[in-house]
Amino acid sequence: MRNNKGNNIQKNKTREGRYANCFQIGQNEFEFVIDFGQSYEESECKESFHTRVICNPYSVNILLKLLQKSVKEYEEMYGEVEND
């Protein structure tokens, strides 16, 4: 199977899921670096990062729009997400 960019996609491949409630973002002229991790107040090590995603600015802009759309749909179904 191929996606619309001509890359091969494996059918029925299981993706690993990781929980994240902590994020760090950095950028330079060419890319954004997004680190995903877990943070727990009761732990000695308050933050533990497990996944890093590196994207170009174009792709990050697409991700931003997808996240905004998803949050809007979520809030329409379940109510407003509280900001602490």
PDB file of N, CA and C in Angstrom:
ATOM      1  N   MET A   1       0.844  -1.172   0.000  1.00  0.00           N
ATOM      2  CA  MET A   1       0.000   0.000   0.000  1.00  0.00           C
ATOM      3  C   MET A   1       0.894   1.241   0.000  1.00  0.00           C
ATOM      4  N   ARG A   2       0.498   2.278  -0.719  1.00  0.00           N
ATOM      5  CA  ARG A   2       1.251   3.524  -0.773  1.00  0.00           C
ATOM      6  C   ARG A   2       0.358   4.676  -0.343  1.00  0.00           C
ATOM      7  N   ASN A   3       0.974   5.673   0.314  1.00  0.00           N
ATOM      8  CA  ASN A   3       0.191   6.856   0.639  1.00  0.00           C
ATOM      9  C   ASN A   3       0.272   7.829  -0.528  1.00  0.00           C
ATOM     10  N   ASN A   4      -0.332   9.006  -0.389  1.00  0.00           N
ATOM     11  CA  ASN A   4      -0.401   9.933  -1.510  1.00  0.00           C
ATOM     12  C   ASN A   4       0.955  10.547  -1.864  1.00  0.00           C
ATOM     13  N   LYS A   5       1.994  10.316  -1.064  1.00  0.00           N
ATOM     14  CA  LYS A   5       3.327  10.814  -1.383  1.00  0.00           C
ATOM     15  C   LYS A   5       4.210   9.720  -1.960  1.00  0.00           C
ATOM     16  N   GLY A   6       3.642   8.558  -2.216  1.00  0.00           N
ATOM     17  CA  GLY A   6       4.386   7.469  -2.834  1.00  0.00           C
ATOM     18  C   GLY A   6       5.180   6.607  -1.869  1.00  0.00           C
ATOM     19  N   ASN A   7       5.058   6.838  -0.571  1.00  0.00           N
ATOM     20  CA  ASN A   7       5.770   6.033   0.414  1.00  0.00           C
ATOM     21  C   ASN A   7       4.995   4.763   0.716  1.00  0.00           C
ATOM     22  N   ASN A   8       5.726   3.703   0.986  1.00  0.00           N
ATOM     23  CA  ASN A   8       5.082   2.445   1.352  1.00  0.00           C
ATOM     24  C   ASN A   8       4.529   2.517   2.762  1.00  0.00           C
ATOM     25  N   ILE A   9       3.339   1.981   2.953  1.00  0.00           N
ATOM     26  CA  ILE A   9       2.703   1.899   4.264  1.00  0.00           C
ATOM     27  C   ILE A   9       2.452   0.422   4.544  1.00  0.00           C
ATOM     28  N   GLN A  10       2.896  -0.051   5.705  1.00  0.00           N
ATOM     29  CA  GLN A  10       2.669  -1.445   6.059  1.00  0.00           C
ATOM     30  C   GLN A  10       1.258  -1.599   6.599  1.00  0.00           C
ATOM     31  N   LYS A  11       0.545  -2.603   6.068  1.00  0.00           N
ATOM     32  CA  LYS A  11      -0.799  -2.890   6.552  1.00  0.00           C
ATOM     33  C   LYS A  11      -0.732  -3.569   7.905  1.00  0.00           C
ATOM     34  N   ASN A  12      -1.692  -3.209   8.764  1.00  0.00           N
ATOM     35  CA  ASN A  12      -1.866  -3.851  10.064  1.00  0.00           C
ATOM     36  C   ASN A  12      -0.643  -3.766  10.962  1.00  0.00           C
ATOM     37  N   LYS A  13       0.211  -2.782  10.783  1.00  0.00           N
ATOM     38  CA  LYS A  13       1.366  -2.630  11.658  1.00  0.00           C
ATOM     39  C   LYS A  13       0.915  -1.959  12.947  1.00  0.00           C
ATOM     40  N   THR A  14       1.254  -2.561  14.075  1.00  0.00           N
ATOM     41  CA  THR A  14       0.884  -2.023  15.370  1.00  0.00           C
ATOM     42  C   THR A  14       1.836  -0.893  15.730  1.00  0.00           C
ATOM     43  N   ARG A  15       1.284   0.232  16.168  1.00  0.00           N
ATOM     44  CA  ARG A  15       2.089   1.366  16.589  1.00  0.00           C
ATOM     45  C   ARG A  15       2.212   1.366  18.102  1.00  0.00           C
ATOM     46  N   GLU A  16       3.388   1.697  18.580  1.00  0.00           N
ATOM     47  CA  GLU A  16       3.596   1.791  20.012  1.00  0.00           C
ATOM     48  C   GLU A  16       2.980   3.087  20.526  1.00  0.00           C
ATOM     49  N   GLY A  17       2.223   3.003  21.589  1.00  0.00           N
ATOM     50  CA  GLY A  17       1.632   4.185  22.193  1.00  0.00           C
ATOM     51  C   GLY A  17       2.379   4.556  23.462  1.00  0.00           C
ATOM     52  N   ARG A  18       2.674   5.822  23.635  1.00  0.00           N
ATOM     53  CA  ARG A  18       3.347   6.314  24.837  1.00  0.00           C
ATOM     54  C   ARG A  18       2.546   7.482  25.381  1.00  0.00           C
ATOM     55  N   TYR A  19       2.319   7.498  26.675  1.00  0.00           N
ATOM     56  CA  TYR A  19       1.605   8.581  27.334  1.00  0.00           C
ATOM     57  C   TYR A  19       2.552   9.770  27.496  1.00  0.00           C
ATOM     58  N   ALA A  20       2.042  10.978  27.268  1.00  0.00           N
ATOM     59  CA  ALA A  20       2.845  12.187  27.472  1.00  0.00           C
ATOM     60  C   ALA A  20       1.981  13.262  28.113  1.00  0.00           C
ATOM     61  N   ASN A  21       2.521  13.874  29.162  1.00  0.00           N
ATOM     62  CA  ASN A  21       1.858  15.013  29.790  1.00  0.00           C
ATOM     63  C   ASN A  21       2.851  16.150  30.019  1.00  0.00           C
ATOM     64  N   CYS A  22       4.008  16.033  29.378  1.00  0.00           N
ATOM     65  CA  CYS A  22       5.084  16.992  29.539  1.00  0.00           C
ATOM     66  C   CYS A  22       5.770  17.159  28.177  1.00  0.00           C
ATOM     67  N   PHE A  23       6.046  18.400  27.793  1.00  0.00           N
ATOM     68  CA  PHE A  23       6.589  18.661  26.463  1.00  0.00           C
ATOM     69  C   PHE A  23       7.666  19.737  26.521  1.00  0.00           C
ATOM     70  N   GLN A  24       8.633  19.634  25.640  1.00  0.00           N
ATOM     71  CA  GLN A  24       9.611  20.691  25.420  1.00  0.00           C
ATOM     72  C   GLN A  24       9.697  20.914  23.919  1.00  0.00           C
ATOM     73  N   ILE A  25       9.813  22.177  23.518  1.00  0.00           N
ATOM     74  CA  ILE A  25       9.909  22.494  22.098  1.00  0.00           C
ATOM     75  C   ILE A  25      11.068  23.456  21.887  1.00  0.00           C
ATOM     76  N   GLY A  26      11.874  23.157  20.894  1.00  0.00           N
ATOM     77  CA  GLY A  26      12.959  24.040  20.494  1.00  0.00           C
ATOM     78  C   GLY A  26      12.938  24.178  18.983  1.00  0.00           C
ATOM     79  N   GLN A  27      13.599  25.175  18.477  1.00  0.00           N
ATOM     80  CA  GLN A  27      13.636  25.343  17.025  1.00  0.00           C
ATOM     81  C   GLN A  27      14.901  26.075  16.610  1.00  0.00           C
ATOM     82  N   ASN A  28      15.248  25.880  15.369  1.00  0.00           N
ATOM     83  CA  ASN A  28      16.277  26.670  14.722  1.00  0.00           C
ATOM     84  C   ASN A  28      15.723  27.086  13.367  1.00  0.00           C
ATOM     85  N   GLU A  29      16.550  27.567  12.505  1.00  0.00           N
ATOM     86  CA  GLU A  29      16.071  28.073  11.216  1.00  0.00           C
ATOM     87  C   GLU A  29      15.422  26.991  10.352  1.00  0.00           C
ATOM     88  N   PHE A  30      15.817  25.734  10.545  1.00  0.00           N
ATOM     89  CA  PHE A  30      15.408  24.672   9.635  1.00  0.00           C
ATOM     90  C   PHE A  30      14.454  23.641  10.213  1.00  0.00           C
ATOM     91  N   GLU A  31      14.350  23.560  11.547  1.00  0.00           N
ATOM     92  CA  GLU A  31      13.553  22.488  12.125  1.00  0.00           C
ATOM     93  C   GLU A  31      13.042  22.840  13.517  1.00  0.00           C
ATOM     94  N   PHE A  32      11.999  22.123  13.912  1.00  0.00           N
ATOM     95  CA  PHE A  32      11.467  22.154  15.259  1.00  0.00           C
ATOM     96  C   PHE A  32      11.787  20.813  15.903  1.00  0.00           C
ATOM     97  N   VAL A  33      12.138  20.841  17.176  1.00  0.00           N
ATOM     98  CA  VAL A  33      12.407  19.630  17.937  1.00  0.00           C
ATOM     99  C   VAL A  33      11.380  19.588  19.068  1.00  0.00           C
ATOM    100  N   ILE A  34      10.571  18.537  19.093  1.00  0.00           N
ATOM    101  CA  ILE A  34       9.519  18.397  20.098  1.00  0.00           C
ATOM    102  C   ILE A  34       9.819  17.145  20.918  1.00  0.00           C
ATOM    103  N   ASP A  35      10.016  17.336  22.215  1.00  0.00           N
ATOM    104  CA  ASP A  35      10.250  16.220  23.133  1.00  0.00           C
ATOM    105  C   ASP A  35       8.974  15.940  23.911  1.00  0.00           C
ATOM    106  N   PHE A  36       8.631  14.661  24.030  1.00  0.00           N
ATOM    107  CA  PHE A  36       7.447  14.205  24.747  1.00  0.00           C
ATOM    108  C   PHE A  36       7.901  13.404  25.960  1.00  0.00           C
ATOM    109  N   GLY A  37       7.242  13.616  27.087  1.00  0.00           N
ATOM    110  CA  GLY A  37       7.628  12.880  28.274  1.00  0.00           C
ATOM    111  C   GLY A  37       6.528  12.822  29.298  1.00  0.00           C
ATOM    112  N   GLN A  38       6.913  12.377  30.480  1.00  0.00           N
ATOM    113  CA  GLN A  38       5.989  12.253  31.591  1.00  0.00           C
ATOM    114  C   GLN A  38       6.526  13.031  32.770  1.00  0.00           C
ATOM    115  N   SER A  39       5.628  13.649  33.496  1.00  0.00           N
ATOM    116  CA  SER A  39       5.996  14.429  34.675  1.00  0.00           C
ATOM    117  C   SER A  39       5.069  14.053  35.816  1.00  0.00           C
ATOM    118  N   TYR A  40       5.674  13.761  36.970  1.00  0.00           N
ATOM    119  CA  TYR A  40       4.900  13.410  38.152  1.00  0.00           C
ATOM    120  C   TYR A  40       5.464  14.168  39.337  1.00  0.00           C
ATOM    121  N   GLU A  41       4.624  14.897  40.045  1.00  0.00           N
ATOM    122  CA  GLU A  41       5.057  15.724  41.163  1.00  0.00           C
ATOM    123  C   GLU A  41       5.678  14.906  42.286  1.00  0.00           C
ATOM    124  N   GLU A  42       5.176  13.709  42.531  1.00  0.00           N
ATOM    125  CA  GLU A  42       5.656  12.918  43.653  1.00  0.00           C
ATOM    126  C   GLU A  42       6.983  12.209  43.376  1.00  0.00           C
ATOM    127  N   SER A  43       7.482  12.279  42.171  1.00  0.00           N
ATOM    128  CA  SER A  43       8.711  11.596  41.798  1.00  0.00           C
ATOM    129  C   SER A  43       9.926  12.491  42.026  1.00  0.00           C
ATOM    130  N   GLU A  44      11.079  11.875  42.401  1.00  0.00           N
ATOM    131  CA  GLU A  44      12.326  12.636  42.527  1.00  0.00           C
ATOM    132  C   GLU A  44      12.707  13.270  41.198  1.00  0.00           C
ATOM    133  N   CYS A  45      12.625  12.493  40.151  1.00  0.00           N
ATOM    134  CA  CYS A  45      12.892  12.979  38.799  1.00  0.00           C
ATOM    135  C   CYS A  45      11.568  13.466  38.238  1.00  0.00           C
ATOM    136  N   LYS A  46      11.329  14.766  38.287  1.00  0.00           N
ATOM    137  CA  LYS A  46      10.012  15.307  37.953  1.00  0.00           C
ATOM    138  C   LYS A  46       9.648  15.137  36.484  1.00  0.00           C
ATOM    139  N   GLU A  47      10.632  15.130  35.588  1.00  0.00           N
ATOM    140  CA  GLU A  47      10.355  14.975  34.161  1.00  0.00           C
ATOM    141  C   GLU A  47      11.220  13.864  33.585  1.00  0.00           C
ATOM    142  N   SER A  48      10.608  13.068  32.742  1.00  0.00           N
ATOM    143  CA  SER A  48      11.327  12.002  32.051  1.00  0.00           C
ATOM    144  C   SER A  48      10.862  11.999  30.594  1.00  0.00           C
ATOM    145  N   PHE A  49      11.741  12.389  29.688  1.00  0.00           N
ATOM    146  CA  PHE A  49      11.386  12.473  28.276  1.00  0.00           C
ATOM    147  C   PHE A  49      11.727  11.161  27.585  1.00  0.00           C
ATOM    148  N   HIS A  50      10.803  10.696  26.731  1.00  0.00           N
ATOM    149  CA  HIS A  50      10.976   9.400  26.098  1.00  0.00           C
ATOM    150  C   HIS A  50      10.956   9.437  24.577  1.00  0.00           C
ATOM    151  N   THR A  51      10.444  10.489  23.974  1.00  0.00           N
ATOM    152  CA  THR A  51      10.302  10.512  22.515  1.00  0.00           C
ATOM    153  C   THR A  51      10.652  11.896  21.987  1.00  0.00           C
ATOM    154  N   ARG A  52      11.408  11.925  20.895  1.00  0.00           N
ATOM    155  CA  ARG A  52      11.751  13.189  20.239  1.00  0.00           C
ATOM    156  C   ARG A  52      11.282  13.109  18.783  1.00  0.00           C
ATOM    157  N   VAL A  53      10.568  14.166  18.363  1.00  0.00           N
ATOM    158  CA  VAL A  53      10.112  14.274  16.975  1.00  0.00           C
ATOM    159  C   VAL A  53      10.737  15.541  16.394  1.00  0.00           C
ATOM    160  N   ILE A  54      11.347  15.409  15.235  1.00  0.00           N
ATOM    161  CA  ILE A  54      11.984  16.535  14.565  1.00  0.00           C
ATOM    162  C   ILE A  54      11.247  16.767  13.251  1.00  0.00           C
ATOM    163  N   CYS A  55      10.774  18.001  13.044  1.00  0.00           N
ATOM    164  CA  CYS A  55       9.976  18.334  11.856  1.00  0.00           C
ATOM    165  C   CYS A  55      10.468  19.639  11.247  1.00  0.00           C
ATOM    166  N   ASN A  56      10.196  19.784   9.967  1.00  0.00           N
ATOM    167  CA  ASN A  56      10.467  21.067   9.325  1.00  0.00           C
ATOM    168  C   ASN A  56       9.325  22.030   9.650  1.00  0.00           C
ATOM    169  N   PRO A  57       9.544  23.348   9.478  1.00  0.00           N
ATOM    170  CA  PRO A  57       8.503  24.320   9.833  1.00  0.00           C
ATOM    171  C   PRO A  57       7.176  24.100   9.106  1.00  0.00           C
ATOM    172  N   TYR A  58       7.204  23.675   7.865  1.00  0.00           N
ATOM    173  CA  TYR A  58       5.974  23.406   7.110  1.00  0.00           C
ATOM    174  C   TYR A  58       5.152  22.321   7.804  1.00  0.00           C
ATOM    175  N   SER A  59       5.809  21.226   8.185  1.00  0.00           N
ATOM    176  CA  SER A  59       5.107  20.113   8.825  1.00  0.00           C
ATOM    177  C   SER A  59       4.586  20.491  10.204  1.00  0.00           C
ATOM    178  N   VAL A  60       5.334  21.308  10.947  1.00  0.00           N
ATOM    179  CA  VAL A  60       4.867  21.748  12.262  1.00  0.00           C
ATOM    180  C   VAL A  60       3.626  22.612  12.121  1.00  0.00           C
ATOM    181  N   ASN A  61       3.579  23.426  11.092  1.00  0.00           N
ATOM    182  CA  ASN A  61       2.397  24.252  10.857  1.00  0.00           C
ATOM    183  C   ASN A  61       1.170  23.382  10.570  1.00  0.00           C
ATOM    184  N   ILE A  62       1.350  22.316   9.818  1.00  0.00           N
ATOM    185  CA  ILE A  62       0.252  21.370   9.565  1.00  0.00           C
ATOM    186  C   ILE A  62      -0.173  20.709  10.876  1.00  0.00           C
ATOM    187  N   LEU A  63       0.798  20.283  11.688  1.00  0.00           N
ATOM    188  CA  LEU A  63       0.495  19.675  12.987  1.00  0.00           C
ATOM    189  C   LEU A  63      -0.286  20.640  13.866  1.00  0.00           C
ATOM    190  N   LEU A  64       0.130  21.893  13.906  1.00  0.00           N
ATOM    191  CA  LEU A  64      -0.572  22.908  14.700  1.00  0.00           C
ATOM    192  C   LEU A  64      -2.032  23.021  14.274  1.00  0.00           C
ATOM    193  N   LYS A  65      -2.279  23.090  12.983  1.00  0.00           N
ATOM    194  CA  LYS A  65      -3.654  23.209  12.486  1.00  0.00           C
ATOM    195  C   LYS A  65      -4.475  21.964  12.805  1.00  0.00           C
ATOM    196  N   LEU A  66      -3.867  20.786  12.692  1.00  0.00           N
ATOM    197  CA  LEU A  66      -4.569  19.549  13.027  1.00  0.00           C
ATOM    198  C   LEU A  66      -4.918  19.493  14.512  1.00  0.00           C
ATOM    199  N   LEU A  67      -3.987  19.917  15.362  1.00  0.00           N
ATOM    200  CA  LEU A  67      -4.256  19.939  16.805  1.00  0.00           C
ATOM    201  C   LEU A  67      -5.360  20.932  17.148  1.00  0.00           C
ATOM    202  N   GLN A  68      -5.323  22.121  16.541  1.00  0.00           N
ATOM    203  CA  GLN A  68      -6.375  23.110  16.796  1.00  0.00           C
ATOM    204  C   GLN A  68      -7.736  22.575  16.369  1.00  0.00           C
ATOM    205  N   LYS A  69      -7.804  21.935  15.215  1.00  0.00           N
ATOM    206  CA  LYS A  69      -9.059  21.357  14.728  1.00  0.00           C
ATOM    207  C   LYS A  69      -9.553  20.257  15.675  1.00  0.00           C
ATOM    208  N   SER A  70      -8.636  19.412  16.129  1.00  0.00           N
ATOM    209  CA  SER A  70      -9.012  18.316  17.023  1.00  0.00           C
ATOM    210  C   SER A  70      -9.513  18.824  18.368  1.00  0.00           C
ATOM    211  N   VAL A  71      -8.862  19.861  18.922  1.00  0.00           N
ATOM    212  CA  VAL A  71      -9.309  20.433  20.191  1.00  0.00           C
ATOM    213  C   VAL A  71     -10.692  21.042  20.026  1.00  0.00           C
ATOM    214  N   LYS A  72     -10.918  21.731  18.929  1.00  0.00           N
ATOM    215  CA  LYS A  72     -12.239  22.326  18.668  1.00  0.00           C
ATOM    216  C   LYS A  72     -13.309  21.230  18.615  1.00  0.00           C
ATOM    217  N   GLU A  73     -13.041  20.141  17.903  1.00  0.00           N
ATOM    218  CA  GLU A  73     -13.999  19.034  17.817  1.00  0.00           C
ATOM    219  C   GLU A  73     -14.226  18.402  19.185  1.00  0.00           C
ATOM    220  N   TYR A  74     -13.159  18.235  19.954  1.00  0.00           N
ATOM    221  CA  TYR A  74     -13.271  17.674  21.300  1.00  0.00           C
ATOM    222  C   TYR A  74     -14.176  18.545  22.165  1.00  0.00           C
ATOM    223  N   GLU A  75     -13.923  19.873  22.141  1.00  0.00           N
ATOM    224  CA  GLU A  75     -14.705  20.782  22.971  1.00  0.00           C
ATOM    225  C   GLU A  75     -16.168  20.822  22.552  1.00  0.00           C
ATOM    226  N   GLU A  76     -16.438  20.646  21.280  1.00  0.00           N
ATOM    227  CA  GLU A  76     -17.825  20.597  20.829  1.00  0.00           C
ATOM    228  C   GLU A  76     -18.540  19.365  21.369  1.00  0.00           C
ATOM    229  N   MET A  77     -17.806  18.274  21.539  1.00  0.00           N
ATOM    230  CA  MET A  77     -18.403  17.028  22.031  1.00  0.00           C
ATOM    231  C   MET A  77     -18.444  16.945  23.560  1.00  0.00           C
ATOM    232  N   TYR A  78     -17.373  17.424  24.231  1.00  0.00           N
ATOM    233  CA  TYR A  78     -17.220  17.171  25.661  1.00  0.00           C
ATOM    234  C   TYR A  78     -17.139  18.423  26.523  1.00  0.00           C
ATOM    235  N   GLY A  79     -17.120  19.577  25.931  1.00  0.00           N
ATOM    236  CA  GLY A  79     -16.999  20.814  26.701  1.00  0.00           C
ATOM    237  C   GLY A  79     -15.582  21.360  26.666  1.00  0.00           C
ATOM    238  N   GLU A  80     -15.477  22.590  27.115  1.00  0.00           N
ATOM    239  CA  GLU A  80     -14.217  23.323  27.031  1.00  0.00           C
ATOM    240  C   GLU A  80     -13.114  22.679  27.861  1.00  0.00           C
ATOM    241  N   VAL A  81     -11.927  22.628  27.304  1.00  0.00           N
ATOM    242  CA  VAL A  81     -10.746  22.133  28.018  1.00  0.00           C
ATOM    243  C   VAL A  81     -10.251  23.255  28.910  1.00  0.00           C
ATOM    244  N   GLU A  82     -10.088  22.954  30.185  1.00  0.00           N
ATOM    245  CA  GLU A  82      -9.614  23.966  31.137  1.00  0.00           C
ATOM    246  C   GLU A  82      -8.135  24.224  30.964  1.00  0.00           C
ATOM    247  N   ASN A  83      -7.739  25.481  31.025  1.00  0.00           N
ATOM    248  CA  ASN A  83      -6.325  25.860  31.028  1.00  0.00           C
ATOM    249  C   ASN A  83      -5.932  26.236  32.437  1.00  0.00           C
ATOM    250  N   ASP A  84      -4.936  25.566  32.967  1.00  0.00           N
ATOM    251  CA  ASP A  84      -4.486  25.862  34.343  1.00  0.00           C
ATOM    252  C   ASP A  84      -3.608  27.079  34.370  1.00  0.00           C
TER     253      ASP A  84
END
